[in-house]
Amino acid sequence: MVEFMQSGVESDEVRALMNEVRNLKNTARALRDALEQAQIDRERSVQEAVREAHNEITQLKATAGALRDGLEQARIDHDKAVQAALAASHNEIAQLKLACEALREAMEQERIDKDKAVQQAVAAAHDEIAQLKATAASLRDALEASRSEIDHAVQAAVAAANDEIRQLKDTTSALRAALENGRPKGA
């Protein structure tokens, strides 16, 4: 009768250990799932940052194209104005000296204005490039910080999981030892 009661106690202990092993497996599976989800989230973040950078580059290319087209149109308009002025001067030979002088002054002023406009456009383009470089650097820094935070979180989760697994192994060993110490010598 005593052996039957001991067998029942051992069976309960074995059942408890089996439940604990099953719980440990569930915990490990949950940690693995969380780790996989963290990696998926990190990959999504990287893809989103790349997509945003690509969209910004596309917009900047479109802006540069529009500026180039506007400059070309201004050059065409300028050329048309010069041709019209020259045609008018040929038709009015009697006023050629006055017209030439006026055109020379107008062209000089136009050249100065054009040079100034080109210099302003170049300065604006340099400023925009500097801003784009700063934005790219800022995005790169933010991406690196995000990666670092994610890596740190993953490492912390892995360390915590390893610590918990070690503790559970220690507990299992202690329980096994206690179970073996609690058995009768002949059993």
C-alpha atoms as a PDB file:
ATOM      1  CA  MET A   1       0.000   0.000   0.000  1.00  0.00           C
ATOM      2  CA  VAL A   2       2.869   2.376   0.818  1.00  0.00           C
ATOM      3  CA  GLU A   3       4.479   1.604  -2.558  1.00  0.00           C
ATOM      4  CA  PHE A   4       1.233   2.448  -4.352  1.00  0.00           C
ATOM      5  CA  MET A   5       1.062   5.837  -2.593  1.00  0.00           C
ATOM      6  CA  GLN A   6       4.710   6.529  -3.407  1.00  0.00           C
ATOM      7  CA  SER A   7       4.066   5.559  -7.012  1.00  0.00           C
ATOM      8  CA  GLY A   8       1.149   8.025  -7.079  1.00  0.00           C
ATOM      9  CA  VAL A   9       3.356  10.800  -5.665  1.00  0.00           C
ATOM     10  CA  GLU A  10       6.089  10.020  -8.205  1.00  0.00           C
ATOM     11  CA  SER A  11       3.521  10.000 -10.970  1.00  0.00           C
ATOM     12  CA  ASP A  12       2.325  13.435  -9.858  1.00  0.00           C
ATOM     13  CA  GLU A  13       5.890  14.702  -9.794  1.00  0.00           C
ATOM     14  CA  VAL A  14       6.572  13.261 -13.255  1.00  0.00           C
ATOM     15  CA  ARG A  15       3.362  14.827 -14.521  1.00  0.00           C
ATOM     16  CA  ALA A  16       4.386  18.174 -12.998  1.00  0.00           C
ATOM     17  CA  LEU A  17       7.808  17.897 -14.624  1.00  0.00           C
ATOM     18  CA  MET A  18       6.219  17.017 -17.955  1.00  0.00           C
ATOM     19  CA  ASN A  19       3.953  20.072 -17.634  1.00  0.00           C
ATOM     20  CA  GLU A  20       6.957  22.218 -16.833  1.00  0.00           C
ATOM     21  CA  VAL A  21       8.849  20.843 -19.872  1.00  0.00           C
ATOM     22  CA  ARG A  22       5.812  21.550 -22.060  1.00  0.00           C
ATOM     23  CA  ASN A  23       5.627  25.089 -20.622  1.00  0.00           C
ATOM     24  CA  LEU A  24       9.340  25.578 -21.318  1.00  0.00           C
ATOM     25  CA  LYS A  25       8.841  24.438 -24.900  1.00  0.00           C
ATOM     26  CA  ASN A  26       5.924  26.835 -25.282  1.00  0.00           C
ATOM     27  CA  THR A  27       8.021  29.657 -23.843  1.00  0.00           C
ATOM     28  CA  ALA A  28      10.892  28.865 -26.240  1.00  0.00           C
ATOM     29  CA  ARG A  29       8.451  28.783 -29.169  1.00  0.00           C
ATOM     30  CA  ALA A  30       6.963  32.132 -28.112  1.00  0.00           C
ATOM     31  CA  LEU A  31      10.434  33.682 -27.813  1.00  0.00           C
ATOM     32  CA  ARG A  32      11.384  32.331 -31.255  1.00  0.00           C
ATOM     33  CA  ASP A  33       8.187  33.793 -32.721  1.00  0.00           C
ATOM     34  CA  ALA A  34       8.875  37.169 -31.079  1.00  0.00           C
ATOM     35  CA  LEU A  35      12.435  37.145 -32.437  1.00  0.00           C
ATOM     36  CA  GLU A  36      11.195  36.364 -35.941  1.00  0.00           C
ATOM     37  CA  GLN A  37       8.595  39.137 -35.693  1.00  0.00           C
ATOM     38  CA  ALA A  38      11.277  41.613 -34.579  1.00  0.00           C
ATOM     39  CA  GLN A  39      13.389  40.687 -37.596  1.00  0.00           C
ATOM     40  CA  ILE A  40      10.397  41.090 -39.916  1.00  0.00           C
ATOM     41  CA  ASP A  41       9.656  44.499 -38.371  1.00  0.00           C
ATOM     42  CA  ARG A  42      13.267  45.572 -38.839  1.00  0.00           C
ATOM     43  CA  GLU A  43      13.233  44.483 -42.485  1.00  0.00           C
ATOM     44  CA  ARG A  44       9.987  46.394 -43.035  1.00  0.00           C
ATOM     45  CA  SER A  45      11.540  49.509 -41.489  1.00  0.00           C
ATOM     46  CA  VAL A  46      14.568  49.242 -43.767  1.00  0.00           C
ATOM     47  CA  GLN A  47      12.393  48.720 -46.833  1.00  0.00           C
ATOM     48  CA  GLU A  48      10.230  51.706 -45.904  1.00  0.00           C
ATOM     49  CA  ALA A  49      13.308  53.927 -45.464  1.00  0.00           C
ATOM     50  CA  VAL A  50      14.670  52.788 -48.856  1.00  0.00           C
ATOM     51  CA  ARG A  51      11.271  53.408 -50.482  1.00  0.00           C
ATOM     52  CA  GLU A  52      11.063  56.919 -48.966  1.00  0.00           C
ATOM     53  CA  ALA A  53      14.611  57.731 -50.083  1.00  0.00           C
ATOM     54  CA  HIS A  54      13.798  56.484 -53.596  1.00  0.00           C
ATOM     55  CA  ASN A  55      10.643  58.626 -53.713  1.00  0.00           C
ATOM     56  CA  GLU A  56      12.589  61.674 -52.579  1.00  0.00           C
ATOM     57  CA  ILE A  57      15.264  61.065 -55.230  1.00  0.00           C
ATOM     58  CA  THR A  58      12.561  60.757 -57.883  1.00  0.00           C
ATOM     59  CA  GLN A  59      11.014  64.047 -56.764  1.00  0.00           C
ATOM     60  CA  LEU A  60      14.393  65.746 -56.768  1.00  0.00           C
ATOM     61  CA  LYS A  61      15.127  64.478 -60.274  1.00  0.00           C
ATOM     62  CA  ALA A  62      11.765  65.840 -61.429  1.00  0.00           C
ATOM     63  CA  THR A  63      12.575  69.216 -59.836  1.00  0.00           C
ATOM     64  CA  ALA A  64      15.983  69.285 -61.505  1.00  0.00           C
ATOM     65  CA  GLY A  65      14.355  68.456 -64.856  1.00  0.00           C
ATOM     66  CA  ALA A  66      11.812  71.237 -64.436  1.00  0.00           C
ATOM     67  CA  LEU A  67      14.577  73.719 -63.594  1.00  0.00           C
ATOM     68  CA  ARG A  68      16.573  72.580 -66.624  1.00  0.00           C
ATOM     69  CA  ASP A  69      13.509  72.966 -68.857  1.00  0.00           C
ATOM     70  CA  GLY A  70      12.827  76.436 -67.468  1.00  0.00           C
ATOM     71  CA  LEU A  71      16.427  77.496 -68.108  1.00  0.00           C
ATOM     72  CA  GLU A  72      16.266  76.156 -71.646  1.00  0.00           C
ATOM     73  CA  GLN A  73      13.000  77.999 -72.286  1.00  0.00           C
ATOM     74  CA  ALA A  74      14.553  81.201 -70.950  1.00  0.00           C
ATOM     75  CA  ARG A  75      17.484  80.707 -73.334  1.00  0.00           C
ATOM     76  CA  ILE A  76      15.097  80.144 -76.251  1.00  0.00           C
ATOM     77  CA  ASP A  77      13.097  83.220 -75.283  1.00  0.00           C
ATOM     78  CA  HIS A  78      16.319  85.204 -75.037  1.00  0.00           C
ATOM     79  CA  ASP A  79      17.452  84.003 -78.466  1.00  0.00           C
ATOM     80  CA  LYS A  80      14.084  84.944 -79.982  1.00  0.00           C
ATOM     81  CA  ALA A  81      14.290  88.406 -78.468  1.00  0.00           C
ATOM     82  CA  VAL A  82      17.817  88.920 -79.855  1.00  0.00           C
ATOM     83  CA  GLN A  83      16.752  87.761 -83.322  1.00  0.00           C
ATOM     84  CA  ALA A  84      13.749  90.078 -83.292  1.00  0.00           C
ATOM     85  CA  ALA A  85      15.976  92.978 -82.272  1.00  0.00           C
ATOM     86  CA  LEU A  86      18.471  92.195 -85.029  1.00  0.00           C
ATOM     87  CA  ALA A  87      15.726  91.911 -87.653  1.00  0.00           C
ATOM     88  CA  ALA A  88      14.299  95.255 -86.561  1.00  0.00           C
ATOM     89  CA  SER A  89      17.762  96.840 -86.763  1.00  0.00           C
ATOM     90  CA  HIS A  90      18.269  95.587 -90.354  1.00  0.00           C
ATOM     91  CA  ASN A  91      14.927  97.025 -91.352  1.00  0.00           C
ATOM     92  CA  GLU A  92      15.790 100.364 -89.855  1.00  0.00           C
ATOM     93  CA  ILE A  93      19.252 101.064 -91.335  1.00  0.00           C
ATOM     94  CA  ALA A  94      18.830 104.767 -90.920  1.00  0.00           C
ATOM     95  CA  GLN A  95      18.768 104.334 -87.188  1.00  0.00           C
ATOM     96  CA  LEU A  96      21.458 101.610 -87.201  1.00  0.00           C
ATOM     97  CA  LYS A  97      23.996 103.397 -85.039  1.00  0.00           C
ATOM     98  CA  LEU A  98      21.468 104.333 -82.387  1.00  0.00           C
ATOM     99  CA  ALA A  99      19.813 100.927 -82.558  1.00  0.00           C
ATOM    100  CA  CYS A 100      23.181  99.102 -82.347  1.00  0.00           C
ATOM    101  CA  GLU A 101      24.238 101.145 -79.374  1.00  0.00           C
ATOM    102  CA  ALA A 102      20.906 100.526 -77.678  1.00  0.00           C
ATOM    103  CA  LEU A 103      21.086  96.826 -78.466  1.00  0.00           C
ATOM    104  CA  ARG A 104      24.677  96.626 -77.249  1.00  0.00           C
ATOM    105  CA  GLU A 105      23.666  98.178 -73.947  1.00  0.00           C
ATOM    106  CA  ALA A 106      20.565  96.014 -73.717  1.00  0.00           C
ATOM    107  CA  MET A 107      22.577  92.870 -74.504  1.00  0.00           C
ATOM    108  CA  GLU A 108      25.233  93.791 -71.978  1.00  0.00           C
ATOM    109  CA  GLN A 109      22.580  94.302 -69.327  1.00  0.00           C
ATOM    110  CA  GLU A 110      20.892  91.069 -70.397  1.00  0.00           C
ATOM    111  CA  ARG A 111      24.216  89.239 -70.197  1.00  0.00           C
ATOM    112  CA  ILE A 112      24.784  90.663 -66.731  1.00  0.00           C
ATOM    113  CA  ASP A 113      21.263  89.664 -65.719  1.00  0.00           C
ATOM    114  CA  LYS A 114      21.706  86.234 -67.292  1.00  0.00           C
ATOM    115  CA  ASP A 115      25.062  85.738 -65.570  1.00  0.00           C
ATOM    116  CA  LYS A 116      23.488  86.846 -62.310  1.00  0.00           C
ATOM    117  CA  ALA A 117      20.535  84.507 -62.876  1.00  0.00           C
ATOM    118  CA  VAL A 118      22.885  81.622 -63.722  1.00  0.00           C
ATOM    119  CA  GLN A 119      24.977  82.349 -60.630  1.00  0.00           C
ATOM    120  CA  GLN A 120      21.824  82.463 -58.521  1.00  0.00           C
ATOM    121  CA  ALA A 121      20.600  79.202 -60.067  1.00  0.00           C
ATOM    122  CA  VAL A 122      23.980  77.570 -59.442  1.00  0.00           C
ATOM    123  CA  ALA A 123      24.010  78.863 -55.846  1.00  0.00           C
ATOM    124  CA  ALA A 124      20.468  77.609 -55.335  1.00  0.00           C
ATOM    125  CA  ALA A 125      21.417  74.230 -56.812  1.00  0.00           C
ATOM    126  CA  HIS A 126      24.452  74.028 -54.516  1.00  0.00           C
ATOM    127  CA  ASP A 127      22.259  74.909 -51.538  1.00  0.00           C
ATOM    128  CA  GLU A 128      19.742  72.273 -52.530  1.00  0.00           C
ATOM    129  CA  ILE A 129      22.504  69.692 -52.980  1.00  0.00           C
ATOM    130  CA  ALA A 130      23.868  70.563 -49.549  1.00  0.00           C
ATOM    131  CA  GLN A 131      20.378  70.200 -48.074  1.00  0.00           C
ATOM    132  CA  LEU A 132      19.913  66.878 -49.859  1.00  0.00           C
ATOM    133  CA  LYS A 133      23.243  65.631 -48.552  1.00  0.00           C
ATOM    134  CA  ALA A 134      22.274  66.739 -45.051  1.00  0.00           C
ATOM    135  CA  THR A 135      18.906  65.002 -45.405  1.00  0.00           C
ATOM    136  CA  ALA A 136      20.569  61.841 -46.700  1.00  0.00           C
ATOM    137  CA  ALA A 137      23.055  61.928 -43.814  1.00  0.00           C
ATOM    138  CA  SER A 138      20.228  62.485 -41.342  1.00  0.00           C
ATOM    139  CA  LEU A 139      18.237  59.593 -42.820  1.00  0.00           C
ATOM    140  CA  ARG A 140      21.348  57.406 -42.751  1.00  0.00           C
ATOM    141  CA  ASP A 141      21.959  58.318 -39.104  1.00  0.00           C
ATOM    142  CA  ALA A 142      18.311  57.626 -38.219  1.00  0.00           C
ATOM    143  CA  LEU A 143      18.470  54.285 -40.020  1.00  0.00           C
ATOM    144  CA  GLU A 144      21.679  53.347 -38.217  1.00  0.00           C
ATOM    145  CA  ALA A 145      20.155  54.368 -34.873  1.00  0.00           C
ATOM    146  CA  SER A 146      17.064  52.302 -35.634  1.00  0.00           C
ATOM    147  CA  ARG A 147      19.193  49.315 -36.589  1.00  0.00           C
ATOM    148  CA  SER A 148      21.255  49.716 -33.444  1.00  0.00           C
ATOM    149  CA  GLU A 149      18.119  49.881 -31.274  1.00  0.00           C
ATOM    150  CA  ILE A 150      16.643  46.808 -32.949  1.00  0.00           C
ATOM    151  CA  ASP A 151      19.929  44.885 -32.629  1.00  0.00           C
ATOM    152  CA  HIS A 152      20.158  45.881 -28.976  1.00  0.00           C
ATOM    153  CA  ALA A 153      16.562  44.786 -28.344  1.00  0.00           C
ATOM    154  CA  VAL A 154      17.169  41.465 -30.113  1.00  0.00           C
ATOM    155  CA  GLN A 155      20.358  40.879 -28.122  1.00  0.00           C
ATOM    156  CA  ALA A 156      18.559  41.722 -24.880  1.00  0.00           C
ATOM    157  CA  ALA A 157      15.710  39.351 -25.744  1.00  0.00           C
ATOM    158  CA  VAL A 158      18.146  36.561 -26.646  1.00  0.00           C
ATOM    159  CA  ALA A 159      20.136  37.154 -23.436  1.00  0.00           C
ATOM    160  CA  ALA A 160      16.943  37.101 -21.371  1.00  0.00           C
ATOM    161  CA  ALA A 161      15.786  33.929 -23.102  1.00  0.00           C
ATOM    162  CA  ASN A 162      19.167  32.268 -22.561  1.00  0.00           C
ATOM    163  CA  ASP A 163      19.118  33.317 -18.921  1.00  0.00           C
ATOM    164  CA  GLU A 164      15.609  31.959 -18.464  1.00  0.00           C
ATOM    165  CA  ILE A 165      16.554  28.697 -20.222  1.00  0.00           C
ATOM    166  CA  ARG A 166      19.627  28.370 -17.974  1.00  0.00           C
ATOM    167  CA  GLN A 167      17.474  28.980 -14.894  1.00  0.00           C
ATOM    168  CA  LEU A 168      14.914  26.463 -16.088  1.00  0.00           C
ATOM    169  CA  LYS A 169      17.655  23.890 -16.717  1.00  0.00           C
ATOM    170  CA  ASP A 170      19.025  24.532 -13.244  1.00  0.00           C
ATOM    171  CA  THR A 171      15.522  24.153 -11.780  1.00  0.00           C
ATOM    172  CA  THR A 172      14.979  20.956 -13.785  1.00  0.00           C
ATOM    173  CA  SER A 173      18.316  19.555 -12.601  1.00  0.00           C
ATOM    174  CA  ALA A 174      17.506  20.471  -9.018  1.00  0.00           C
ATOM    175  CA  LEU A 175      14.063  18.885  -9.300  1.00  0.00           C
ATOM    176  CA  ARG A 176      15.557  15.775 -10.899  1.00  0.00           C
ATOM    177  CA  ALA A 177      18.148  15.553  -8.120  1.00  0.00           C
ATOM    178  CA  ALA A 178      15.458  16.093  -5.502  1.00  0.00           C
ATOM    179  CA  LEU A 179      13.332  13.428  -7.154  1.00  0.00           C
ATOM    180  CA  GLU A 180      16.234  10.969  -7.250  1.00  0.00           C
ATOM    181  CA  ASN A 181      17.181  11.767  -3.616  1.00  0.00           C
ATOM    182  CA  GLY A 182      13.563  11.274  -2.566  1.00  0.00           C
ATOM    183  CA  ARG A 183      13.316   7.745  -4.044  1.00  0.00           C
ATOM    184  CA  PRO A 184      13.800   4.724  -1.778  1.00  0.00           C
ATOM    185  CA  LYS A 185      17.127   2.922  -2.293  1.00  0.00           C
ATOM    186  CA  GLY A 186      15.621  -0.326  -3.525  1.00  0.00           C
ATOM    187  CA  ALA A 187      13.015   1.182  -5.869  1.00  0.00           C
END
